[in-house]
Amino acid sequence: MKAKILLTILTILLIGCGKKQDPDQTYIVMDESSSTSSESIAKKYDAISKTSHLEGISFTDDSCENNNIQTDILIFSDKIESLGGQINELSSYDQDAIGLQKFLSDSGLTSLNAQDFARAGTQSTMKSCDLIDLTPPKSCWYRTLALGLLSEKISEETGVQIELTSHYRSTCYNEKVGGSKKSDHIGAKAIDFSVKNEAERHRVEQYICNEIWKENLFKQSSEGQLNNISIGLGHTFMHIGLDSVHGRRHWIYDNYIQNNTMPSTCWKSL
């Protein structure tokens, strides 16, 4: 009982009282697309693929309002466990930031907290959509957990501290910031994050290229099956998504093309 009270107080302080500067989301108008064509350096990695569990599932069916939680467990449980997390029953948690914090803590997330996801957006846009914050609907929390654990893994392996700038977006919020009408963020299947400089972004980019794009980081897939992921490259920010109904894909933002001075990894503009 005491532990629950302490967790509630801590979460209220994190969510309600902590001051967090709004992230730069101007890049979102180019989200999940690019004015410049690009390809993987090895073309075999450009194949469009998605898991068998997603066959026949539309973008609408996959939304947080309509998704089948049992399908999410099939898709994400092995990823979560591969990254050191565990599957907990969602019905044990309330649909609010405090419930999300408890769920993430119980499920093995250590560095990121509910505030990081709930505040991954601009306060003015949330207000215009009558949102208190951007806490994802509970039906999508396994997606949030998987992406949070993956973020922690990337930070641990690269030594780069990343800051979430976008995760779940309601349809209203996504429209207000100019996101793609079928953005993976609407289904809480992607995160955007920023780093301090392009050298740090290059370290992260290189790790994602070698361990996630060219290889399968997760244990569940059959031999030779690559991850169904989406990658977006910016100069000091990146997008990474898991198991989109749109399949495996990548894009390069204009400011990466204009400003990058680091060598190519898995992707290059044409």
C-alpha atoms as a PDB file:
ATOM      1  CA  MET A   1       0.000   0.000   0.000  1.00  0.00           C
ATOM      2  CA  LYS A   2       2.809   2.407   0.943  1.00  0.00           C
ATOM      3  CA  ALA A   3       4.621   1.606  -2.317  1.00  0.00           C
ATOM      4  CA  LYS A   4       1.479   2.406  -4.321  1.00  0.00           C
ATOM      5  CA  ILE A   5       1.041   5.752  -2.539  1.00  0.00           C
ATOM      6  CA  LEU A   6       4.693   6.662  -3.140  1.00  0.00           C
ATOM      7  CA  LEU A   7       4.387   5.731  -6.834  1.00  0.00           C
ATOM      8  CA  THR A   8       1.259   7.883  -7.143  1.00  0.00           C
ATOM      9  CA  ILE A   9       2.953  10.884  -5.510  1.00  0.00           C
ATOM     10  CA  LEU A  10       6.066  10.474  -7.673  1.00  0.00           C
ATOM     11  CA  THR A  11       4.022  10.219 -10.863  1.00  0.00           C
ATOM     12  CA  ILE A  12       1.954  13.297  -9.996  1.00  0.00           C
ATOM     13  CA  LEU A  13       5.171  15.224  -9.463  1.00  0.00           C
ATOM     14  CA  LEU A  14       6.625  13.973 -12.758  1.00  0.00           C
ATOM     15  CA  ILE A  15       3.506  14.541 -14.845  1.00  0.00           C
ATOM     16  CA  GLY A  16       1.948  17.555 -13.235  1.00  0.00           C
ATOM     17  CA  CYS A  17       4.760  19.653 -11.857  1.00  0.00           C
ATOM     18  CA  GLY A  18       7.820  19.034 -13.971  1.00  0.00           C
ATOM     19  CA  LYS A  19       8.644  21.775 -16.460  1.00  0.00           C
ATOM     20  CA  LYS A  20       9.625  20.442 -19.841  1.00  0.00           C
ATOM     21  CA  GLN A  21      10.437  22.550 -22.859  1.00  0.00           C
ATOM     22  CA  ASP A  22       8.246  21.795 -25.842  1.00  0.00           C
ATOM     23  CA  PRO A  23      10.116  19.730 -28.454  1.00  0.00           C
ATOM     24  CA  ASP A  24      10.747  21.031 -31.950  1.00  0.00           C
ATOM     25  CA  GLN A  25       8.140  19.295 -34.122  1.00  0.00           C
ATOM     26  CA  THR A  26       8.495  21.362 -37.284  1.00  0.00           C
ATOM     27  CA  TYR A  27       9.902  18.310 -39.101  1.00  0.00           C
ATOM     28  CA  ILE A  28       6.579  16.479 -38.762  1.00  0.00           C
ATOM     29  CA  VAL A  29       5.213  18.024 -41.958  1.00  0.00           C
ATOM     30  CA  MET A  30       7.740  15.762 -43.737  1.00  0.00           C
ATOM     31  CA  ASP A  31       7.077  12.811 -41.444  1.00  0.00           C
ATOM     32  CA  GLU A  32       7.096   9.329 -42.970  1.00  0.00           C
ATOM     33  CA  SER A  33       7.861  10.781 -46.389  1.00  0.00           C
ATOM     34  CA  SER A  34      10.643  12.672 -48.117  1.00  0.00           C
ATOM     35  CA  SER A  35      11.053  14.994 -51.051  1.00  0.00           C
ATOM     36  CA  THR A  36      14.245  13.058 -51.831  1.00  0.00           C
ATOM     37  CA  SER A  37      14.316   9.415 -52.931  1.00  0.00           C
ATOM     38  CA  SER A  38      16.628   7.122 -51.000  1.00  0.00           C
ATOM     39  CA  GLU A  39      17.658   3.500 -50.813  1.00  0.00           C
ATOM     40  CA  SER A  40      19.531   1.122 -48.572  1.00  0.00           C
ATOM     41  CA  ILE A  41      23.167   0.800 -49.566  1.00  0.00           C
ATOM     42  CA  ALA A  42      22.470  -2.918 -49.938  1.00  0.00           C
ATOM     43  CA  LYS A  43      19.215  -3.033 -51.914  1.00  0.00           C
ATOM     44  CA  LYS A  44      18.138  -6.361 -50.439  1.00  0.00           C
ATOM     45  CA  TYR A  45      17.324  -4.472 -47.227  1.00  0.00           C
ATOM     46  CA  ASP A  46      14.729  -2.347 -49.029  1.00  0.00           C
ATOM     47  CA  ALA A  47      12.221  -5.188 -49.287  1.00  0.00           C
ATOM     48  CA  ILE A  48       8.760  -4.242 -48.027  1.00  0.00           C
ATOM     49  CA  SER A  49       7.654  -6.762 -45.424  1.00  0.00           C
ATOM     50  CA  LYS A  50       5.425  -7.088 -42.407  1.00  0.00           C
ATOM     51  CA  THR A  51       4.688  -9.827 -39.894  1.00  0.00           C
ATOM     52  CA  SER A  52       2.151 -12.535 -40.726  1.00  0.00           C
ATOM     53  CA  HIS A  53       0.057 -11.362 -37.761  1.00  0.00           C
ATOM     54  CA  LEU A  54      -0.575  -8.092 -39.632  1.00  0.00           C
ATOM     55  CA  GLU A  55      -1.799  -9.662 -42.858  1.00  0.00           C
ATOM     56  CA  GLY A  56      -5.258  -8.350 -43.712  1.00  0.00           C
ATOM     57  CA  ILE A  57      -5.225  -5.731 -40.936  1.00  0.00           C
ATOM     58  CA  SER A  58      -5.969  -2.211 -42.161  1.00  0.00           C
ATOM     59  CA  PHE A  59      -4.613   1.042 -40.760  1.00  0.00           C
ATOM     60  CA  THR A  60      -8.002   1.708 -39.127  1.00  0.00           C
ATOM     61  CA  ASP A  61      -8.142  -1.784 -37.615  1.00  0.00           C
ATOM     62  CA  ASP A  62      -4.672  -1.232 -36.164  1.00  0.00           C
ATOM     63  CA  SER A  63      -5.537   2.058 -34.436  1.00  0.00           C
ATOM     64  CA  CYS A  64      -5.498   2.308 -30.649  1.00  0.00           C
ATOM     65  CA  GLU A  65      -9.299   2.528 -30.712  1.00  0.00           C
ATOM     66  CA  ASN A  66      -9.794  -0.679 -32.728  1.00  0.00           C
ATOM     67  CA  ASN A  67      -6.680  -2.817 -32.273  1.00  0.00           C
ATOM     68  CA  ASN A  68      -6.871  -6.387 -31.020  1.00  0.00           C
ATOM     69  CA  ILE A  69      -4.813  -6.555 -27.831  1.00  0.00           C
ATOM     70  CA  GLN A  70      -4.230 -10.288 -28.245  1.00  0.00           C
ATOM     71  CA  THR A  71      -2.693  -9.595 -31.661  1.00  0.00           C
ATOM     72  CA  ASP A  72      -0.441  -6.991 -30.046  1.00  0.00           C
ATOM     73  CA  ILE A  73       0.682  -9.587 -27.509  1.00  0.00           C
ATOM     74  CA  LEU A  74       1.546 -11.996 -30.358  1.00  0.00           C
ATOM     75  CA  ILE A  75       3.512  -9.288 -32.175  1.00  0.00           C
ATOM     76  CA  PHE A  76       5.251  -7.552 -29.286  1.00  0.00           C
ATOM     77  CA  SER A  77       5.702 -10.093 -26.475  1.00  0.00           C
ATOM     78  CA  ASP A  78       8.905 -11.612 -27.878  1.00  0.00           C
ATOM     79  CA  LYS A  79      10.302  -8.156 -28.625  1.00  0.00           C
ATOM     80  CA  ILE A  80       9.544  -7.009 -25.095  1.00  0.00           C
ATOM     81  CA  GLU A  81      11.087 -10.125 -23.560  1.00  0.00           C
ATOM     82  CA  SER A  82      14.122  -9.942 -25.885  1.00  0.00           C
ATOM     83  CA  LEU A  83      14.751  -6.447 -24.546  1.00  0.00           C
ATOM     84  CA  GLY A  84      14.514  -7.524 -20.901  1.00  0.00           C
ATOM     85  CA  GLY A  85      10.880  -6.597 -20.254  1.00  0.00           C
ATOM     86  CA  GLN A  86       7.877  -8.660 -19.273  1.00  0.00           C
ATOM     87  CA  ILE A  87       4.223  -8.897 -20.267  1.00  0.00           C
ATOM     88  CA  ASN A  88       1.727  -7.748 -17.640  1.00  0.00           C
ATOM     89  CA  GLU A  89      -2.055  -7.870 -17.879  1.00  0.00           C
ATOM     90  CA  LEU A  90      -3.384  -4.438 -18.906  1.00  0.00           C
ATOM     91  CA  SER A  91      -6.576  -4.776 -16.874  1.00  0.00           C
ATOM     92  CA  SER A  92      -4.486  -4.347 -13.711  1.00  0.00           C
ATOM     93  CA  TYR A  93      -3.793  -0.695 -14.553  1.00  0.00           C
ATOM     94  CA  ASP A  94      -5.834   2.496 -14.759  1.00  0.00           C
ATOM     95  CA  GLN A  95      -6.052   4.454 -18.039  1.00  0.00           C
ATOM     96  CA  ASP A  96      -4.086   7.528 -16.993  1.00  0.00           C
ATOM     97  CA  ALA A  97      -0.495   8.689 -16.602  1.00  0.00           C
ATOM     98  CA  ILE A  98      -0.222   7.138 -13.142  1.00  0.00           C
ATOM     99  CA  GLY A  99      -1.424   3.795 -14.501  1.00  0.00           C
ATOM    100  CA  LEU A 100       1.033   4.041 -17.395  1.00  0.00           C
ATOM    101  CA  GLN A 101       3.884   4.773 -14.994  1.00  0.00           C
ATOM    102  CA  LYS A 102       3.061   1.722 -12.894  1.00  0.00           C
ATOM    103  CA  PHE A 103       2.711  -0.462 -15.990  1.00  0.00           C
ATOM    104  CA  LEU A 104       6.079   0.663 -17.399  1.00  0.00           C
ATOM    105  CA  SER A 105       7.839   0.219 -14.065  1.00  0.00           C
ATOM    106  CA  ASP A 106       6.321  -3.225 -13.477  1.00  0.00           C
ATOM    107  CA  SER A 107       7.212  -4.267 -17.038  1.00  0.00           C
ATOM    108  CA  GLY A 108      10.923  -3.475 -16.845  1.00  0.00           C
ATOM    109  CA  LEU A 109      11.360   0.066 -18.195  1.00  0.00           C
ATOM    110  CA  THR A 110      13.958   1.834 -16.057  1.00  0.00           C
ATOM    111  CA  SER A 111      15.229   5.057 -17.655  1.00  0.00           C
ATOM    112  CA  LEU A 112      12.124   6.407 -19.369  1.00  0.00           C
ATOM    113  CA  ASN A 113       8.946   7.232 -17.494  1.00  0.00           C
ATOM    114  CA  ALA A 114       5.333   8.096 -18.264  1.00  0.00           C
ATOM    115  CA  GLN A 115       6.189  11.787 -18.465  1.00  0.00           C
ATOM    116  CA  ASP A 116       8.582  11.176 -21.351  1.00  0.00           C
ATOM    117  CA  PHE A 117       5.728   9.753 -23.420  1.00  0.00           C
ATOM    118  CA  ALA A 118       2.918  11.983 -22.124  1.00  0.00           C
ATOM    119  CA  ARG A 119       4.874  15.210 -22.735  1.00  0.00           C
ATOM    120  CA  ALA A 120       6.265  14.243 -26.151  1.00  0.00           C
ATOM    121  CA  GLY A 121       4.517  17.119 -27.861  1.00  0.00           C
ATOM    122  CA  THR A 122       3.678  20.809 -27.583  1.00  0.00           C
ATOM    123  CA  GLN A 123       1.379  22.047 -24.838  1.00  0.00           C
ATOM    124  CA  SER A 124      -0.418  24.530 -27.095  1.00  0.00           C
ATOM    125  CA  THR A 125      -1.332  21.828 -29.632  1.00  0.00           C
ATOM    126  CA  MET A 126      -2.517  19.468 -26.897  1.00  0.00           C
ATOM    127  CA  LYS A 127      -4.711  22.257 -25.518  1.00  0.00           C
ATOM    128  CA  SER A 128      -6.177  22.983 -28.948  1.00  0.00           C
ATOM    129  CA  CYS A 129      -7.197  19.300 -29.142  1.00  0.00           C
ATOM    130  CA  ASP A 130      -8.615  19.318 -25.570  1.00  0.00           C
ATOM    131  CA  LEU A 131      -5.866  16.979 -24.400  1.00  0.00           C
ATOM    132  CA  ILE A 132      -4.226  17.099 -20.978  1.00  0.00           C
ATOM    133  CA  ASP A 133      -1.247  15.214 -22.337  1.00  0.00           C
ATOM    134  CA  LEU A 134      -0.332  12.547 -24.905  1.00  0.00           C
ATOM    135  CA  THR A 135      -0.617   9.457 -22.731  1.00  0.00           C
ATOM    136  CA  PRO A 136      -1.424   6.657 -25.222  1.00  0.00           C
ATOM    137  CA  PRO A 137      -4.696   4.728 -24.884  1.00  0.00           C
ATOM    138  CA  LYS A 138      -4.168   1.671 -22.695  1.00  0.00           C
ATOM    139  CA  SER A 139      -4.871  -0.694 -25.587  1.00  0.00           C
ATOM    140  CA  CYS A 140      -1.557   0.442 -27.130  1.00  0.00           C
ATOM    141  CA  TRP A 141       0.662   0.240 -24.053  1.00  0.00           C
ATOM    142  CA  TYR A 142       2.489  -2.896 -25.236  1.00  0.00           C
ATOM    143  CA  ARG A 143       3.637  -0.831 -28.223  1.00  0.00           C
ATOM    144  CA  THR A 144       4.768   1.980 -25.923  1.00  0.00           C
ATOM    145  CA  LEU A 145       6.649  -0.503 -23.746  1.00  0.00           C
ATOM    146  CA  ALA A 146       8.415  -2.172 -26.694  1.00  0.00           C
ATOM    147  CA  LEU A 147       9.547   1.176 -28.110  1.00  0.00           C
ATOM    148  CA  GLY A 148      10.615   2.397 -24.675  1.00  0.00           C
ATOM    149  CA  LEU A 149      12.723  -0.721 -24.090  1.00  0.00           C
ATOM    150  CA  LEU A 150      14.218  -0.379 -27.560  1.00  0.00           C
ATOM    151  CA  SER A 151      15.100   3.263 -26.817  1.00  0.00           C
ATOM    152  CA  GLU A 152      16.858   2.213 -23.624  1.00  0.00           C
ATOM    153  CA  LYS A 153      18.735  -0.525 -25.496  1.00  0.00           C
ATOM    154  CA  ILE A 154      19.938   1.974 -28.118  1.00  0.00           C
ATOM    155  CA  SER A 155      21.112   4.388 -25.416  1.00  0.00           C
ATOM    156  CA  GLU A 156      22.904   1.647 -23.477  1.00  0.00           C
ATOM    157  CA  GLU A 157      24.698   0.310 -26.543  1.00  0.00           C
ATOM    158  CA  THR A 158      25.706   3.682 -28.006  1.00  0.00           C
ATOM    159  CA  GLY A 159      26.224   5.780 -24.882  1.00  0.00           C
ATOM    160  CA  VAL A 160      23.949   8.439 -26.396  1.00  0.00           C
ATOM    161  CA  GLN A 161      21.200  10.033 -24.340  1.00  0.00           C
ATOM    162  CA  ILE A 162      18.081  10.436 -26.436  1.00  0.00           C
ATOM    163  CA  GLU A 163      15.076  12.661 -25.789  1.00  0.00           C
ATOM    164  CA  LEU A 164      11.639  11.636 -27.011  1.00  0.00           C
ATOM    165  CA  THR A 165      10.013  14.317 -29.147  1.00  0.00           C
ATOM    166  CA  SER A 166       6.979  12.376 -30.373  1.00  0.00           C
ATOM    167  CA  HIS A 167       5.237   9.072 -29.680  1.00  0.00           C
ATOM    168  CA  TYR A 168       1.444   8.725 -29.637  1.00  0.00           C
ATOM    169  CA  ARG A 169      -0.530  11.382 -31.504  1.00  0.00           C
ATOM    170  CA  SER A 170      -4.295  11.573 -31.457  1.00  0.00           C
ATOM    171  CA  THR A 171      -5.848  12.113 -34.875  1.00  0.00           C
ATOM    172  CA  CYS A 172      -6.528  15.742 -33.943  1.00  0.00           C
ATOM    173  CA  TYR A 173      -2.980  16.340 -32.712  1.00  0.00           C
ATOM    174  CA  ASN A 174      -1.459  14.665 -35.751  1.00  0.00           C
ATOM    175  CA  GLU A 175      -3.559  16.798 -38.094  1.00  0.00           C
ATOM    176  CA  LYS A 176      -2.655  20.016 -36.254  1.00  0.00           C
ATOM    177  CA  VAL A 177       1.093  19.373 -36.576  1.00  0.00           C
ATOM    178  CA  GLY A 178       0.849  18.311 -40.221  1.00  0.00           C
ATOM    179  CA  GLY A 179       1.589  14.601 -39.779  1.00  0.00           C
ATOM    180  CA  SER A 180       0.831  11.949 -42.376  1.00  0.00           C
ATOM    181  CA  LYS A 181      -2.855  10.987 -42.355  1.00  0.00           C
ATOM    182  CA  LYS A 182      -1.847   7.363 -41.818  1.00  0.00           C
ATOM    183  CA  SER A 183       1.097   8.034 -39.521  1.00  0.00           C
ATOM    184  CA  ASP A 184       2.355   5.179 -37.352  1.00  0.00           C
ATOM    185  CA  HIS A 185       2.278   7.668 -34.456  1.00  0.00           C
ATOM    186  CA  ILE A 186      -1.537   7.576 -34.488  1.00  0.00           C
ATOM    187  CA  GLY A 187      -1.268   3.903 -33.547  1.00  0.00           C
ATOM    188  CA  ALA A 188       1.583   4.512 -31.043  1.00  0.00           C
ATOM    189  CA  LYS A 189       3.872   2.362 -33.192  1.00  0.00           C
ATOM    190  CA  ALA A 190       6.702   4.874 -33.529  1.00  0.00           C
ATOM    191  CA  ILE A 191       8.854   7.301 -31.608  1.00  0.00           C
ATOM    192  CA  ASP A 192      10.854  10.309 -32.720  1.00  0.00           C
ATOM    193  CA  PHE A 193      13.841  11.358 -30.665  1.00  0.00           C
ATOM    194  CA  SER A 194      16.550  13.999 -30.720  1.00  0.00           C
ATOM    195  CA  VAL A 195      20.230  13.898 -29.776  1.00  0.00           C
ATOM    196  CA  LYS A 196      22.799  16.632 -29.114  1.00  0.00           C
ATOM    197  CA  ASN A 197      24.713  16.647 -32.395  1.00  0.00           C
ATOM    198  CA  GLU A 198      25.259  14.773 -35.651  1.00  0.00           C
ATOM    199  CA  ALA A 199      28.152  12.727 -34.224  1.00  0.00           C
ATOM    200  CA  GLU A 200      25.754  11.249 -31.659  1.00  0.00           C
ATOM    201  CA  ARG A 201      23.107  10.744 -34.323  1.00  0.00           C
ATOM    202  CA  HIS A 202      25.668   8.917 -36.451  1.00  0.00           C
ATOM    203  CA  ARG A 203      26.492   6.535 -33.579  1.00  0.00           C
ATOM    204  CA  VAL A 204      22.818   5.774 -33.125  1.00  0.00           C
ATOM    205  CA  GLU A 205      22.269   5.494 -36.882  1.00  0.00           C
ATOM    206  CA  GLN A 206      25.176   3.071 -37.193  1.00  0.00           C
ATOM    207  CA  TYR A 207      23.871   0.892 -34.366  1.00  0.00           C
ATOM    208  CA  ILE A 208      20.363   0.788 -35.848  1.00  0.00           C
ATOM    209  CA  CYS A 209      21.825  -0.008 -39.278  1.00  0.00           C
ATOM    210  CA  ASN A 210      23.970  -2.922 -38.073  1.00  0.00           C
ATOM    211  CA  GLU A 211      21.802  -4.400 -35.320  1.00  0.00           C
ATOM    212  CA  ILE A 212      18.197  -3.655 -36.312  1.00  0.00           C
ATOM    213  CA  TRP A 213      18.013  -2.953 -40.053  1.00  0.00           C
ATOM    214  CA  LYS A 214      20.512  -5.525 -41.389  1.00  0.00           C
ATOM    215  CA  GLU A 215      20.060  -8.028 -38.565  1.00  0.00           C
ATOM    216  CA  ASN A 216      17.136  -9.132 -36.430  1.00  0.00           C
ATOM    217  CA  LEU A 217      17.617  -7.856 -32.888  1.00  0.00           C
ATOM    218  CA  PHE A 218      14.626  -9.822 -31.633  1.00  0.00           C
ATOM    219  CA  LYS A 219      14.470 -13.540 -30.987  1.00  0.00           C
ATOM    220  CA  GLN A 220      11.000 -14.321 -32.296  1.00  0.00           C
ATOM    221  CA  SER A 221      11.461 -14.140 -36.042  1.00  0.00           C
ATOM    222  CA  SER A 222      12.108 -17.084 -38.300  1.00  0.00           C
ATOM    223  CA  GLU A 223      15.597 -17.405 -39.710  1.00  0.00           C
ATOM    224  CA  GLY A 224      16.341 -14.837 -42.385  1.00  0.00           C
ATOM    225  CA  GLN A 225      13.317 -12.656 -41.573  1.00  0.00           C
ATOM    226  CA  LEU A 226      14.250  -9.017 -41.093  1.00  0.00           C
ATOM    227  CA  ASN A 227      12.564  -6.650 -38.665  1.00  0.00           C
ATOM    228  CA  ASN A 228       9.450  -4.858 -39.848  1.00  0.00           C
ATOM    229  CA  ILE A 229      10.696  -1.399 -38.886  1.00  0.00           C
ATOM    230  CA  SER A 230      10.497   2.154 -40.160  1.00  0.00           C
ATOM    231  CA  ILE A 231      13.493   4.480 -40.032  1.00  0.00           C
ATOM    232  CA  GLY A 232      13.544   8.235 -40.646  1.00  0.00           C
ATOM    233  CA  LEU A 233      16.860  10.114 -40.601  1.00  0.00           C
ATOM    234  CA  GLY A 234      17.187  13.776 -39.628  1.00  0.00           C
ATOM    235  CA  HIS A 235      20.320  15.769 -38.905  1.00  0.00           C
ATOM    236  CA  THR A 236      20.061  15.492 -35.103  1.00  0.00           C
ATOM    237  CA  PHE A 237      16.864  13.479 -34.780  1.00  0.00           C
ATOM    238  CA  MET A 238      15.467  10.125 -35.893  1.00  0.00           C
ATOM    239  CA  HIS A 239      12.209   8.245 -36.269  1.00  0.00           C
ATOM    240  CA  ILE A 240      11.964   4.549 -35.473  1.00  0.00           C
ATOM    241  CA  GLY A 241       8.812   2.460 -35.707  1.00  0.00           C
ATOM    242  CA  LEU A 242       7.930  -1.182 -35.094  1.00  0.00           C
ATOM    243  CA  ASP A 243       5.547  -3.466 -36.973  1.00  0.00           C
ATOM    244  CA  SER A 244       3.659  -0.952 -39.067  1.00  0.00           C
ATOM    245  CA  VAL A 245       0.811  -2.148 -41.261  1.00  0.00           C
ATOM    246  CA  HIS A 246       2.635  -0.155 -43.978  1.00  0.00           C
ATOM    247  CA  GLY A 247       5.563  -2.587 -43.811  1.00  0.00           C
ATOM    248  CA  ARG A 248       9.306  -2.087 -43.657  1.00  0.00           C
ATOM    249  CA  ARG A 249      10.411   1.333 -44.965  1.00  0.00           C
ATOM    250  CA  HIS A 250      12.773   4.278 -44.575  1.00  0.00           C
ATOM    251  CA  TRP A 251      13.089   7.929 -45.530  1.00  0.00           C
ATOM    252  CA  ILE A 252      15.567  10.791 -45.168  1.00  0.00           C
ATOM    253  CA  TYR A 253      14.569  14.280 -44.021  1.00  0.00           C
ATOM    254  CA  ASP A 254      15.797  17.280 -45.972  1.00  0.00           C
ATOM    255  CA  ASN A 255      17.954  18.693 -43.170  1.00  0.00           C
ATOM    256  CA  TYR A 256      19.907  15.412 -43.076  1.00  0.00           C
ATOM    257  CA  ILE A 257      20.683  15.726 -46.790  1.00  0.00           C
ATOM    258  CA  GLN A 258      21.600  19.393 -46.476  1.00  0.00           C
ATOM    259  CA  ASN A 259      23.736  19.229 -43.311  1.00  0.00           C
ATOM    260  CA  ASN A 260      25.097  15.725 -42.778  1.00  0.00           C
ATOM    261  CA  THR A 261      28.902  15.433 -42.871  1.00  0.00           C
ATOM    262  CA  MET A 262      29.170  11.874 -41.534  1.00  0.00           C
ATOM    263  CA  PRO A 263      29.728   8.789 -43.724  1.00  0.00           C
ATOM    264  CA  SER A 264      26.746   6.806 -44.976  1.00  0.00           C
ATOM    265  CA  THR A 265      25.576   3.758 -43.030  1.00  0.00           C
ATOM    266  CA  CYS A 266      22.639   1.752 -44.403  1.00  0.00           C
ATOM    267  CA  TRP A 267      20.893   4.558 -46.254  1.00  0.00           C
ATOM    268  CA  LYS A 268      21.721   7.151 -48.857  1.00  0.00           C
ATOM    269  CA  SER A 269      19.850   9.660 -51.002  1.00  0.00           C
ATOM    270  CA  LEU A 270      19.579   9.088 -54.744  1.00  0.00           C
END
